[in-house]
Amino acid sequence: MATPSAPDDLAVSHDEGAHRFETLVNGQLSICEYELRGNEMVFTHTFVPSELRGRNIAQKLVQVALHWAQSKQLRVVPACSYVAAFIARRPEFQVLVK
């Protein structure tokens, strides 16, 4: 698999059964996990293998997940520190936070 040159090149899939958004880069899985609680999407964990960090993979995963939450009209609870920091830097997603 070729290494994506930019976050927009990443293919992010949504595994609803596992409650996570994921992408595979160079055979390594990166994830953004969540729990659904009624009309809330609680972000619990974001993980990118150390060899892949610095490529904006976590950013892309969280962005896709937040757009999904928005499309489902879910309130967001950023229990994951990465997600909380991501939202803090992007006013367009702050309206989703409970």
N, C-alpha and C. Protein backbone atom coordinates (compact mmCIF):
# COMPACT_ATOMS: atom_id res chain seq x y z
N MET A 1 0.85 -1.18 0.00
CA MET A 1 0.00 0.00 0.00
C MET A 1 0.90 1.24 0.00
N ALA A 2 0.59 2.19 -0.84
CA ALA A 2 1.37 3.42 -0.92
C ALA A 2 1.11 4.28 0.31
N THR A 3 2.11 5.03 0.69
CA THR A 3 1.95 5.94 1.81
C THR A 3 1.21 7.18 1.34
N PRO A 4 0.12 7.52 2.00
CA PRO A 4 -0.63 8.72 1.59
C PRO A 4 0.25 9.96 1.72
N SER A 5 0.09 10.87 0.77
CA SER A 5 0.88 12.09 0.81
C SER A 5 0.21 13.18 1.64
N ALA A 6 -1.07 13.05 1.86
CA ALA A 6 -1.83 14.04 2.63
C ALA A 6 -3.01 13.35 3.29
N PRO A 7 -3.54 13.93 4.37
CA PRO A 7 -4.68 13.31 5.05
C PRO A 7 -5.87 13.04 4.13
N ASP A 8 -6.06 13.90 3.13
CA ASP A 8 -7.19 13.70 2.23
C ASP A 8 -7.07 12.42 1.41
N ASP A 9 -5.84 11.90 1.29
CA ASP A 9 -5.62 10.67 0.53
C ASP A 9 -5.94 9.41 1.33
N LEU A 10 -6.15 9.55 2.63
CA LEU A 10 -6.42 8.38 3.47
C LEU A 10 -7.83 7.84 3.24
N ALA A 11 -7.93 6.54 3.16
CA ALA A 11 -9.23 5.88 3.08
C ALA A 11 -9.64 5.52 4.50
N VAL A 12 -10.62 6.23 5.02
CA VAL A 12 -11.12 5.98 6.38
C VAL A 12 -12.41 5.20 6.27
N SER A 13 -12.50 4.11 7.03
CA SER A 13 -13.74 3.32 7.05
C SER A 13 -14.34 3.38 8.45
N HIS A 14 -15.63 3.12 8.49
CA HIS A 14 -16.37 3.16 9.75
C HIS A 14 -16.81 1.74 10.08
N ASP A 15 -16.29 1.18 11.14
CA ASP A 15 -16.69 -0.14 11.62
C ASP A 15 -17.69 0.10 12.74
N GLU A 16 -18.97 0.17 12.37
CA GLU A 16 -20.00 0.49 13.36
C GLU A 16 -20.10 -0.56 14.45
N GLY A 17 -19.88 -1.82 14.12
CA GLY A 17 -19.95 -2.89 15.12
C GLY A 17 -18.88 -2.76 16.18
N ALA A 18 -17.70 -2.30 15.79
CA ALA A 18 -16.60 -2.11 16.73
C ALA A 18 -16.57 -0.70 17.31
N HIS A 19 -17.49 0.16 16.86
CA HIS A 19 -17.56 1.56 17.31
C HIS A 19 -16.24 2.27 17.10
N ARG A 20 -15.78 2.26 15.84
CA ARG A 20 -14.54 2.97 15.56
C ARG A 20 -14.43 3.34 14.08
N PHE A 21 -13.65 4.39 13.86
CA PHE A 21 -13.25 4.79 12.52
C PHE A 21 -11.80 4.33 12.40
N GLU A 22 -11.43 3.84 11.21
CA GLU A 22 -10.11 3.25 11.08
C GLU A 22 -9.52 3.48 9.70
N THR A 23 -8.21 3.37 9.65
CA THR A 23 -7.50 3.42 8.38
C THR A 23 -6.27 2.53 8.49
N LEU A 24 -5.90 1.94 7.38
CA LEU A 24 -4.74 1.06 7.32
C LEU A 24 -3.68 1.74 6.46
N VAL A 25 -2.52 1.99 7.04
CA VAL A 25 -1.41 2.62 6.33
C VAL A 25 -0.18 1.75 6.53
N ASN A 26 0.43 1.35 5.45
CA ASN A 26 1.62 0.48 5.51
C ASN A 26 1.37 -0.75 6.37
N GLY A 27 0.16 -1.30 6.27
CA GLY A 27 -0.18 -2.51 7.02
C GLY A 27 -0.45 -2.28 8.50
N GLN A 28 -0.49 -1.03 8.94
CA GLN A 28 -0.72 -0.73 10.36
C GLN A 28 -2.03 0.01 10.54
N LEU A 29 -2.78 -0.43 11.54
CA LEU A 29 -4.11 0.11 11.80
C LEU A 29 -4.06 1.31 12.74
N SER A 30 -4.74 2.38 12.35
CA SER A 30 -4.94 3.55 13.20
C SER A 30 -6.44 3.65 13.45
N ILE A 31 -6.82 4.07 14.67
CA ILE A 31 -8.24 4.06 15.03
C ILE A 31 -8.66 5.29 15.82
N CYS A 32 -9.95 5.56 15.75
CA CYS A 32 -10.62 6.56 16.59
C CYS A 32 -11.87 5.86 17.12
N GLU A 33 -11.86 5.55 18.40
CA GLU A 33 -12.95 4.77 19.00
C GLU A 33 -13.95 5.67 19.71
N TYR A 34 -15.17 5.19 19.78
CA TYR A 34 -16.24 5.94 20.42
C TYR A 34 -17.27 5.00 21.02
N GLU A 35 -18.13 5.56 21.86
CA GLU A 35 -19.29 4.86 22.40
C GLU A 35 -20.51 5.71 22.10
N LEU A 36 -21.62 5.07 21.83
CA LEU A 36 -22.88 5.79 21.65
C LEU A 36 -23.69 5.65 22.93
N ARG A 37 -24.16 6.78 23.43
CA ARG A 37 -24.99 6.82 24.64
C ARG A 37 -26.19 7.70 24.33
N GLY A 38 -27.25 7.09 23.87
CA GLY A 38 -28.43 7.86 23.48
C GLY A 38 -28.08 8.74 22.29
N ASN A 39 -28.22 10.04 22.45
CA ASN A 39 -27.90 10.96 21.35
C ASN A 39 -26.49 11.55 21.49
N GLU A 40 -25.63 10.87 22.26
CA GLU A 40 -24.26 11.33 22.45
C GLU A 40 -23.26 10.36 21.82
N MET A 41 -22.23 10.93 21.24
CA MET A 41 -21.10 10.15 20.72
C MET A 41 -19.91 10.50 21.61
N VAL A 42 -19.49 9.55 22.43
CA VAL A 42 -18.41 9.76 23.38
C VAL A 42 -17.12 9.22 22.74
N PHE A 43 -16.20 10.13 22.44
CA PHE A 43 -14.91 9.72 21.87
C PHE A 43 -14.02 9.25 23.00
N THR A 44 -13.59 7.99 22.93
CA THR A 44 -12.87 7.38 24.04
C THR A 44 -11.37 7.20 23.80
N HIS A 45 -10.96 7.05 22.53
CA HIS A 45 -9.55 6.72 22.29
C HIS A 45 -9.20 6.96 20.83
N THR A 46 -8.05 7.55 20.61
CA THR A 46 -7.49 7.70 19.27
C THR A 46 -6.08 7.14 19.31
N PHE A 47 -5.75 6.29 18.34
CA PHE A 47 -4.43 5.66 18.33
C PHE A 47 -3.86 5.61 16.92
N VAL A 48 -2.61 6.05 16.81
CA VAL A 48 -1.83 5.93 15.58
C VAL A 48 -0.49 5.32 15.99
N PRO A 49 -0.06 4.23 15.32
CA PRO A 49 1.24 3.64 15.67
C PRO A 49 2.37 4.69 15.59
N SER A 50 3.34 4.56 16.47
CA SER A 50 4.40 5.57 16.56
C SER A 50 5.12 5.81 15.23
N GLU A 51 5.28 4.77 14.42
CA GLU A 51 5.96 4.91 13.13
C GLU A 51 5.19 5.79 12.15
N LEU A 52 3.89 5.97 12.40
CA LEU A 52 3.04 6.72 11.47
C LEU A 52 2.68 8.11 11.98
N ARG A 53 3.10 8.44 13.16
CA ARG A 53 2.73 9.74 13.74
C ARG A 53 3.39 10.88 12.96
N GLY A 54 2.72 12.02 12.98
CA GLY A 54 3.23 13.18 12.27
C GLY A 54 2.73 13.27 10.83
N ARG A 55 1.85 12.38 10.44
CA ARG A 55 1.30 12.36 9.08
C ARG A 55 -0.15 12.82 9.03
N ASN A 56 -0.66 13.35 10.13
CA ASN A 56 -2.04 13.85 10.23
C ASN A 56 -3.10 12.75 10.10
N ILE A 57 -2.72 11.54 10.44
CA ILE A 57 -3.67 10.42 10.36
C ILE A 57 -4.75 10.57 11.42
N ALA A 58 -4.37 10.88 12.64
CA ALA A 58 -5.36 11.06 13.71
C ALA A 58 -6.31 12.20 13.35
N GLN A 59 -5.77 13.27 12.79
CA GLN A 59 -6.60 14.40 12.36
C GLN A 59 -7.68 13.96 11.38
N LYS A 60 -7.30 13.17 10.41
CA LYS A 60 -8.26 12.71 9.40
C LYS A 60 -9.31 11.80 10.03
N LEU A 61 -8.89 10.88 10.89
CA LEU A 61 -9.84 9.98 11.55
C LEU A 61 -10.88 10.76 12.35
N VAL A 62 -10.41 11.71 13.14
CA VAL A 62 -11.31 12.50 14.00
C VAL A 62 -12.22 13.37 13.15
N GLN A 63 -11.69 13.97 12.12
CA GLN A 63 -12.50 14.81 11.24
C GLN A 63 -13.63 14.02 10.60
N VAL A 64 -13.33 12.84 10.09
CA VAL A 64 -14.37 11.99 9.49
C VAL A 64 -15.40 11.59 10.54
N ALA A 65 -14.94 11.23 11.73
CA ALA A 65 -15.85 10.83 12.81
C ALA A 65 -16.76 11.97 13.23
N LEU A 66 -16.20 13.18 13.32
CA LEU A 66 -17.02 14.33 13.70
C LEU A 66 -18.05 14.68 12.63
N HIS A 67 -17.67 14.54 11.39
CA HIS A 67 -18.64 14.78 10.31
C HIS A 67 -19.78 13.75 10.38
N TRP A 68 -19.43 12.52 10.73
CA TRP A 68 -20.46 11.48 10.88
C TRP A 68 -21.39 11.83 12.03
N ALA A 69 -20.82 12.24 13.17
CA ALA A 69 -21.63 12.64 14.32
C ALA A 69 -22.56 13.78 13.94
N GLN A 70 -22.05 14.73 13.21
CA GLN A 70 -22.83 15.88 12.76
C GLN A 70 -23.99 15.42 11.86
N SER A 71 -23.70 14.50 10.96
CA SER A 71 -24.74 14.01 10.04
C SER A 71 -25.85 13.25 10.77
N LYS A 72 -25.52 12.67 11.92
CA LYS A 72 -26.49 11.92 12.72
C LYS A 72 -27.11 12.78 13.82
N GLN A 73 -26.74 14.05 13.85
CA GLN A 73 -27.22 15.01 14.85
C GLN A 73 -26.93 14.55 16.28
N LEU A 74 -25.72 14.04 16.47
CA LEU A 74 -25.29 13.58 17.79
C LEU A 74 -24.51 14.67 18.50
N ARG A 75 -24.65 14.73 19.80
CA ARG A 75 -23.82 15.61 20.62
C ARG A 75 -22.50 14.88 20.85
N VAL A 76 -21.42 15.60 20.93
CA VAL A 76 -20.10 15.00 21.07
C VAL A 76 -19.56 15.22 22.49
N VAL A 77 -19.02 14.16 23.05
CA VAL A 77 -18.34 14.22 24.35
C VAL A 77 -16.89 13.80 24.09
N PRO A 78 -15.96 14.76 24.11
CA PRO A 78 -14.56 14.44 23.80
C PRO A 78 -13.79 13.92 25.02
N ALA A 79 -14.03 12.66 25.40
CA ALA A 79 -13.32 12.06 26.53
C ALA A 79 -11.86 11.77 26.17
N CYS A 80 -11.57 11.66 24.90
CA CYS A 80 -10.21 11.45 24.41
C CYS A 80 -9.51 12.82 24.34
N SER A 81 -8.32 12.92 24.89
CA SER A 81 -7.61 14.20 24.93
C SER A 81 -7.28 14.72 23.53
N TYR A 82 -6.97 13.81 22.60
CA TYR A 82 -6.67 14.27 21.23
C TYR A 82 -7.90 14.89 20.60
N VAL A 83 -9.04 14.26 20.77
CA VAL A 83 -10.29 14.78 20.19
C VAL A 83 -10.63 16.13 20.83
N ALA A 84 -10.45 16.25 22.14
CA ALA A 84 -10.73 17.51 22.82
C ALA A 84 -9.85 18.63 22.27
N ALA A 85 -8.56 18.36 22.06
CA ALA A 85 -7.65 19.37 21.52
C ALA A 85 -7.99 19.70 20.07
N PHE A 86 -8.36 18.70 19.31
CA PHE A 86 -8.75 18.91 17.90
C PHE A 86 -9.95 19.84 17.82
N ILE A 87 -10.96 19.58 18.63
CA ILE A 87 -12.18 20.40 18.62
C ILE A 87 -11.87 21.82 19.11
N ALA A 88 -11.02 21.94 20.10
CA ALA A 88 -10.67 23.27 20.64
C ALA A 88 -10.06 24.17 19.57
N ARG A 89 -9.38 23.56 18.58
CA ARG A 89 -8.73 24.33 17.51
C ARG A 89 -9.64 24.57 16.31
N ARG A 90 -10.85 24.00 16.32
CA ARG A 90 -11.72 24.10 15.15
C ARG A 90 -13.14 24.51 15.56
N PRO A 91 -13.44 25.80 15.44
CA PRO A 91 -14.74 26.31 15.85
C PRO A 91 -15.93 25.64 15.16
N GLU A 92 -15.73 25.15 13.96
CA GLU A 92 -16.84 24.52 13.24
C GLU A 92 -17.34 23.25 13.92
N PHE A 93 -16.52 22.63 14.76
CA PHE A 93 -16.94 21.42 15.46
C PHE A 93 -17.34 21.70 16.92
N GLN A 94 -17.03 22.87 17.43
CA GLN A 94 -17.33 23.19 18.83
C GLN A 94 -18.82 23.18 19.12
N VAL A 95 -19.65 23.45 18.13
CA VAL A 95 -21.10 23.44 18.34
C VAL A 95 -21.64 22.04 18.63
N LEU A 96 -20.83 21.01 18.33
CA LEU A 96 -21.25 19.63 18.58
C LEU A 96 -21.05 19.19 20.02
N VAL A 97 -20.20 19.90 20.74
CA VAL A 97 -19.82 19.48 22.08
C VAL A 97 -20.93 19.71 23.06
N LYS A 98 -21.15 18.71 23.87
CA LYS A 98 -22.22 18.77 24.89
C LYS A 98 -21.82 19.70 25.99
